[in-house]
Amino acid sequence: MKLFAISDLHVGFSENAAALKDMPLCPDDWLILAGDMGETARHHDEVFATLVPRFRQVIWCPGNHELWTTGRNSLAGLAKYESLLALCRRWSVLTPEDDYAVFSTERERFLIVPMFLLYDYTFRPDGIPPERAVAWAEESGVLCADEELLDPRPFATRGDWCRARCHTTEQRIEEARRNTGLRTVLINHFPLKQVFASLPAIPRFQIWCGTRATEDWHLRFDAAVVVTGHLHIRQTRYMDGTRFEEVSLGYPRRQWRPERGIAHYLREILPAEPARAVTGLQPHRFSSGYRPV
């Protein structure tokens, strides 16, 4: 039995939606979907209809695209998130609101922790005050569509929603760890560490990529692996003995090659090689960047 992961399927692109149909049958394996499957409930239904029958268990956490309000009568903010949770439950997909599942390998059992944490603009240089973060990014010609499309209601700001999510999630993981004593696989759409929120082509986009509140979570919660997406730059890195996997698919042609097939882009999370006792950034396993790989 294996645990696989992929994120940023973006099935609103016809090439991505078509490729999904060729996902192999893996009836004994689990699959992590680490956010940004699409923007609408129809996109989610399409993904689940295709993938749920092909895996023993599917696990999901939301990305920013999934929370977008894209039409006049579309749900916004927390209501949008809750509608996606209801859809997941109809498909028996595990979410950040469910009890954490346990995944067993021949050597060890792991607590599988899907999270929904958002971002709070703290992934920025220390000299930039929080109220200037967006303007600082705009000075380089970068502005995330979330500023228009990701409504945080009933929270006043996305940062407030992020802080509330971090507080609740932190408590839940601490309780689960006390009850089980298991190491974790932490799953979030956004990177947990600022050093990993690096986009060479658009460096100031980092403010929309996470929160400093999670900088030490891989240590606090004894993570064997941290699984994230969002950056569209597939890579494997190690820090403090923890393996960090960015598992995005991304946009067709620029960021992945449809002729290779979607199975080529599944990342095996467990049982993979154990995380090495290495501190610092290591060369990533995959070619990366804003080009086809």
Protein backbone atom coordinates (compact mmCIF):
# COMPACT_ATOMS: atom_id res chain seq x y z
CA MET A 1 0.00 0.00 0.00
CA LYS A 2 1.35 3.41 -1.00
CA LEU A 3 0.48 7.01 -0.22
CA PHE A 4 0.67 9.26 -3.29
CA ALA A 5 0.21 13.02 -3.64
CA ILE A 6 -0.51 15.60 -6.30
CA SER A 7 -1.85 19.14 -6.23
CA ASP A 8 -2.82 22.02 -8.50
CA LEU A 9 -4.70 19.87 -11.00
CA HIS A 10 -6.47 22.98 -12.35
CA VAL A 11 -9.01 20.97 -14.33
CA GLY A 12 -10.49 24.15 -15.75
CA PHE A 13 -7.77 23.65 -18.37
CA SER A 14 -9.03 21.10 -20.89
CA GLU A 15 -5.59 19.43 -21.13
CA ASN A 16 -5.53 18.86 -17.38
CA ALA A 17 -9.09 17.54 -17.29
CA ALA A 18 -8.34 15.13 -20.15
CA ALA A 19 -5.13 13.89 -18.54
CA LEU A 20 -6.96 13.10 -15.31
CA LYS A 21 -8.98 10.43 -17.14
CA ASP A 22 -5.77 8.45 -17.63
CA MET A 23 -4.95 8.19 -13.94
CA PRO A 24 -4.10 4.52 -13.29
CA LEU A 25 -6.21 2.26 -11.11
CA CYS A 26 -4.59 2.02 -7.64
CA PRO A 27 -7.16 0.18 -5.52
CA ASP A 28 -4.78 -0.48 -2.61
CA ASP A 29 -3.28 3.02 -2.43
CA TRP A 30 -4.21 6.37 -0.91
CA LEU A 31 -4.08 9.72 -2.71
CA ILE A 32 -3.51 13.21 -1.31
CA LEU A 33 -5.01 16.12 -3.27
CA ALA A 34 -3.23 19.17 -1.85
CA GLY A 35 -5.47 21.90 -3.20
CA ASP A 36 -6.36 23.84 -6.35
CA MET A 37 -8.24 21.13 -8.19
CA GLY A 38 -10.28 23.89 -9.81
CA GLU A 39 -12.51 26.85 -9.06
CA THR A 40 -16.05 25.41 -9.04
CA ALA A 41 -18.10 22.63 -7.49
CA ARG A 42 -18.35 21.07 -10.95
CA HIS A 43 -14.57 20.87 -11.14
CA HIS A 44 -14.49 19.08 -7.79
CA ASP A 45 -17.22 16.68 -8.80
CA GLU A 46 -15.28 15.81 -11.95
CA VAL A 47 -12.08 15.18 -10.03
CA PHE A 48 -13.75 13.06 -7.35
CA ALA A 49 -15.80 11.10 -9.88
CA THR A 50 -12.58 10.18 -11.65
CA LEU A 51 -10.22 9.60 -8.72
CA VAL A 52 -12.29 8.28 -5.82
CA PRO A 53 -13.08 4.96 -7.59
CA ARG A 54 -9.39 4.49 -8.44
CA PHE A 55 -7.91 4.78 -4.94
CA ARG A 56 -8.70 3.19 -1.60
CA GLN A 57 -8.84 6.59 0.11
CA VAL A 58 -8.62 10.17 -1.13
CA ILE A 59 -7.55 13.04 1.16
CA TRP A 60 -8.15 16.71 0.29
CA CYS A 61 -7.20 20.14 1.54
CA PRO A 62 -8.24 23.39 -0.15
CA GLY A 63 -6.13 25.76 -2.17
CA ASN A 64 -6.78 29.41 -2.87
CA HIS A 65 -8.42 28.84 -6.29
CA GLU A 66 -11.02 26.58 -4.70
CA LEU A 67 -12.11 29.40 -2.40
CA TRP A 68 -12.56 31.96 -5.16
CA THR A 69 -15.94 33.63 -5.61
CA THR A 70 -16.30 33.54 -9.38
CA GLY A 71 -19.89 34.65 -10.08
CA ARG A 72 -22.59 37.01 -8.89
CA ASN A 73 -24.46 34.34 -6.93
CA SER A 74 -21.45 32.26 -5.94
CA LEU A 75 -20.76 31.35 -2.34
CA ALA A 76 -18.01 33.30 -0.59
CA GLY A 77 -15.52 32.74 2.20
CA LEU A 78 -16.43 30.27 4.91
CA ALA A 79 -19.67 29.36 3.13
CA LYS A 80 -17.67 28.34 0.03
CA TYR A 81 -15.34 26.21 2.16
CA GLU A 82 -18.26 24.51 3.91
CA SER A 83 -19.90 23.71 0.58
CA LEU A 84 -16.69 21.96 -0.51
CA LEU A 85 -16.62 20.00 2.75
CA ALA A 86 -20.16 18.80 2.06
CA LEU A 87 -19.12 17.71 -1.43
CA CYS A 88 -16.14 15.83 -0.02
CA ARG A 89 -18.36 14.01 2.44
CA ARG A 90 -20.65 12.86 -0.35
CA TRP A 91 -17.59 11.27 -1.98
CA SER A 92 -16.13 9.94 1.32
CA VAL A 93 -13.06 12.13 0.83
CA LEU A 94 -11.17 13.03 4.02
CA THR A 95 -10.82 16.76 4.77
CA PRO A 96 -9.12 19.03 7.32
CA GLU A 97 -12.27 18.84 9.43
CA ASP A 98 -12.32 15.03 9.77
CA ASP A 99 -10.54 12.88 12.34
CA TYR A 100 -6.96 12.33 11.25
CA ALA A 101 -6.48 8.96 9.57
CA VAL A 102 -3.60 6.58 10.27
CA PHE A 103 -1.55 5.25 7.36
CA SER A 104 0.54 2.15 7.97
CA THR A 105 3.68 0.99 6.22
CA GLU A 106 5.61 -2.17 7.01
CA ARG A 107 7.85 -0.18 9.35
CA GLU A 108 5.70 2.51 10.92
CA ARG A 109 2.30 4.09 11.37
CA PHE A 110 1.75 7.78 10.53
CA LEU A 111 -0.91 10.32 11.38
CA ILE A 112 -2.21 11.87 8.14
CA VAL A 113 -2.93 15.56 8.80
CA PRO A 114 -4.64 17.55 6.01
CA MET A 115 -4.74 21.25 6.94
CA PHE A 116 -6.36 24.47 5.77
CA LEU A 117 -4.20 27.38 6.94
CA LEU A 118 -4.20 30.13 4.28
CA TYR A 119 -1.65 32.99 4.50
CA ASP A 120 -1.21 36.23 6.41
CA TYR A 121 1.36 38.24 4.39
CA THR A 122 4.16 37.46 6.87
CA PHE A 123 6.26 35.80 4.15
CA ARG A 124 7.97 39.14 3.45
CA PRO A 125 11.24 40.87 4.36
CA ASP A 126 11.41 42.05 7.98
CA GLY A 127 11.68 45.67 6.86
CA ILE A 128 8.31 45.65 5.10
CA PRO A 129 5.42 46.47 7.49
CA PRO A 130 2.31 44.28 7.10
CA GLU A 131 0.14 47.11 5.86
CA ARG A 132 2.56 47.65 2.96
CA ALA A 133 2.96 44.00 1.94
CA VAL A 134 0.56 44.05 -1.01
CA ALA A 135 1.85 47.41 -2.26
CA TRP A 136 5.41 46.06 -1.97
CA ALA A 137 4.48 43.11 -4.19
CA GLU A 138 2.68 45.38 -6.67
CA GLU A 139 5.83 47.49 -7.04
CA SER A 140 7.35 44.49 -8.85
CA GLY A 141 4.29 44.07 -11.08
CA VAL A 142 2.82 41.19 -9.05
CA LEU A 143 -0.73 41.04 -7.67
CA CYS A 144 -2.46 37.79 -6.72
CA ALA A 145 -6.01 37.32 -8.03
CA ASP A 146 -6.97 36.39 -4.46
CA GLU A 147 -7.09 40.10 -3.66
CA GLU A 148 -10.20 40.30 -5.81
CA LEU A 149 -11.59 36.77 -5.73
CA LEU A 150 -10.85 35.22 -2.31
CA ASP A 151 -13.46 36.68 0.01
CA PRO A 152 -12.68 35.95 3.71
CA ARG A 153 -16.19 36.48 5.10
CA PRO A 154 -17.19 36.29 7.93
CA PHE A 155 -13.58 37.17 8.83
CA ALA A 156 -12.50 40.75 8.24
CA THR A 157 -9.34 39.78 6.36
CA ARG A 158 -7.61 36.71 4.93
CA GLY A 159 -4.96 37.19 7.61
CA ASP A 160 -7.62 36.94 10.33
CA TRP A 161 -8.97 33.76 8.75
CA CYS A 162 -5.43 32.37 8.57
CA ARG A 163 -4.74 33.08 12.25
CA ALA A 164 -8.01 31.44 13.29
CA ARG A 165 -7.25 28.37 11.17
CA CYS A 166 -3.72 28.08 12.57
CA HIS A 167 -4.96 28.29 16.16
CA THR A 168 -7.65 25.63 15.70
CA THR A 169 -5.40 23.31 13.70
CA GLU A 170 -2.55 23.60 16.18
CA GLN A 171 -4.81 22.49 19.01
CA ARG A 172 -6.19 19.56 17.03
CA ILE A 173 -2.76 18.25 16.06
CA GLU A 174 -1.46 18.56 19.62
CA GLU A 175 -4.43 16.56 20.91
CA ALA A 176 -4.09 13.90 18.21
CA ARG A 177 -0.37 13.55 18.92
CA ARG A 178 -1.03 13.17 22.66
CA ASN A 179 -3.58 10.44 21.95
CA THR A 180 -1.55 8.51 19.37
CA GLY A 181 2.13 9.37 19.79
CA LEU A 182 2.54 8.97 16.02
CA ARG A 183 4.76 10.91 13.67
CA THR A 184 2.84 12.99 11.16
CA VAL A 185 2.48 13.64 7.47
CA LEU A 186 1.52 17.33 7.35
CA ILE A 187 -0.47 18.38 4.26
CA ASN A 188 -1.26 21.95 3.31
CA HIS A 189 -1.72 23.78 0.03
CA PHE A 190 0.68 26.53 1.04
CA PRO A 191 4.33 26.04 2.12
CA LEU A 192 4.91 25.88 5.87
CA LYS A 193 8.29 27.61 5.74
CA GLN A 194 9.17 30.94 4.15
CA VAL A 195 12.46 29.61 2.77
CA PHE A 196 10.48 27.16 0.62
CA ALA A 197 8.14 29.87 -0.73
CA SER A 198 10.62 30.81 -3.41
CA LEU A 199 9.46 31.66 -6.93
CA PRO A 200 12.45 32.88 -8.95
CA ALA A 201 10.34 34.50 -11.68
CA ILE A 202 8.02 36.38 -9.28
CA PRO A 203 9.80 36.52 -5.88
CA ARG A 204 7.42 38.97 -4.24
CA PHE A 205 4.49 36.60 -4.79
CA GLN A 206 5.73 34.95 -1.58
CA ILE A 207 3.38 37.11 0.53
CA TRP A 208 0.46 34.99 -0.74
CA CYS A 209 2.28 31.72 0.04
CA GLY A 210 1.93 31.01 3.76
CA THR A 211 2.48 32.18 7.31
CA ARG A 212 5.47 32.36 9.63
CA ALA A 213 3.24 30.85 12.32
CA THR A 214 4.01 27.39 10.87
CA GLU A 215 7.81 27.77 10.57
CA ASP A 216 8.52 25.13 13.25
CA TRP A 217 5.51 22.85 12.81
CA HIS A 218 7.56 20.14 11.11
CA LEU A 219 9.59 19.89 14.33
CA ARG A 220 6.81 20.48 16.85
CA PHE A 221 4.61 17.81 15.30
CA ASP A 222 7.40 15.35 14.42
CA ALA A 223 6.68 15.39 10.70
CA ALA A 224 8.19 12.63 8.59
CA VAL A 225 7.00 14.41 5.45
CA VAL A 226 5.43 17.80 4.68
CA VAL A 227 3.32 17.84 1.49
CA THR A 228 2.43 21.15 -0.18
CA GLY A 229 1.56 22.66 -3.56
CA HIS A 230 0.72 26.18 -4.73
CA LEU A 231 4.12 27.09 -6.20
CA HIS A 232 3.83 25.00 -9.39
CA ILE A 233 7.49 24.08 -8.87
CA ARG A 234 7.87 20.39 -8.10
CA GLN A 235 10.73 19.70 -5.74
CA THR A 236 11.99 17.55 -2.89
CA ARG A 237 13.95 19.19 -0.10
CA TYR A 238 15.16 18.21 3.35
CA MET A 239 15.46 20.24 6.51
CA ASP A 240 15.96 19.11 10.11
CA GLY A 241 15.56 15.51 8.96
CA THR A 242 12.10 16.18 7.49
CA ARG A 243 11.32 15.66 3.81
CA PHE A 244 9.41 18.52 2.17
CA GLU A 245 7.54 17.65 -1.04
CA GLU A 246 6.04 20.22 -3.42
CA VAL A 247 3.72 18.13 -5.61
CA SER A 248 2.06 20.56 -8.05
CA LEU A 249 0.94 19.59 -11.51
CA GLY A 250 0.29 23.14 -12.73
CA TYR A 251 -0.67 24.68 -16.03
CA PRO A 252 -0.27 22.63 -19.23
CA ARG A 253 2.74 23.00 -21.50
CA ARG A 254 4.40 25.69 -19.41
CA GLN A 255 4.65 23.57 -16.29
CA TRP A 256 4.00 19.96 -17.24
CA ARG A 257 3.93 17.82 -20.38
CA PRO A 258 0.58 16.17 -21.17
CA GLU A 259 2.30 13.63 -23.45
CA ARG A 260 4.03 12.14 -20.39
CA GLY A 261 0.71 11.30 -18.75
CA ILE A 262 -0.50 12.34 -15.34
CA ALA A 263 0.87 9.26 -13.56
CA HIS A 264 4.37 10.59 -14.24
CA TYR A 265 3.57 13.50 -11.90
CA LEU A 266 2.28 11.51 -8.93
CA ARG A 267 4.71 11.75 -6.03
CA GLU A 268 5.13 8.76 -3.73
CA ILE A 269 5.04 10.01 -0.15
CA LEU A 270 5.05 6.69 1.71
CA PRO A 271 6.72 4.29 1.82
CA ALA A 272 9.52 6.27 0.23
CA GLU A 273 13.09 6.60 1.41
CA PRO A 274 13.22 7.81 5.03
CA ALA A 275 14.04 11.46 5.53
CA ARG A 276 17.76 11.94 5.99
CA ALA A 277 19.26 13.74 8.97
CA VAL A 278 20.23 16.74 6.87
CA THR A 279 19.80 20.40 7.64
CA GLY A 280 19.53 22.98 4.89
CA LEU A 281 18.33 23.00 1.32
CA GLN A 282 19.21 20.01 -0.79
CA PRO A 283 19.11 19.73 -4.59
CA HIS A 284 15.53 18.96 -5.58
CA ARG A 285 14.64 15.71 -7.23
CA PHE A 286 12.75 17.15 -10.18
CA SER A 287 13.54 19.81 -12.72
CA SER A 288 11.68 22.91 -11.68
CA GLY A 289 10.76 26.39 -12.75
CA TYR A 290 8.29 28.06 -15.06
CA ARG A 291 8.93 25.80 -18.00
CA PRO A 292 7.64 22.37 -19.12
CA VAL A 293 9.06 19.50 -17.10
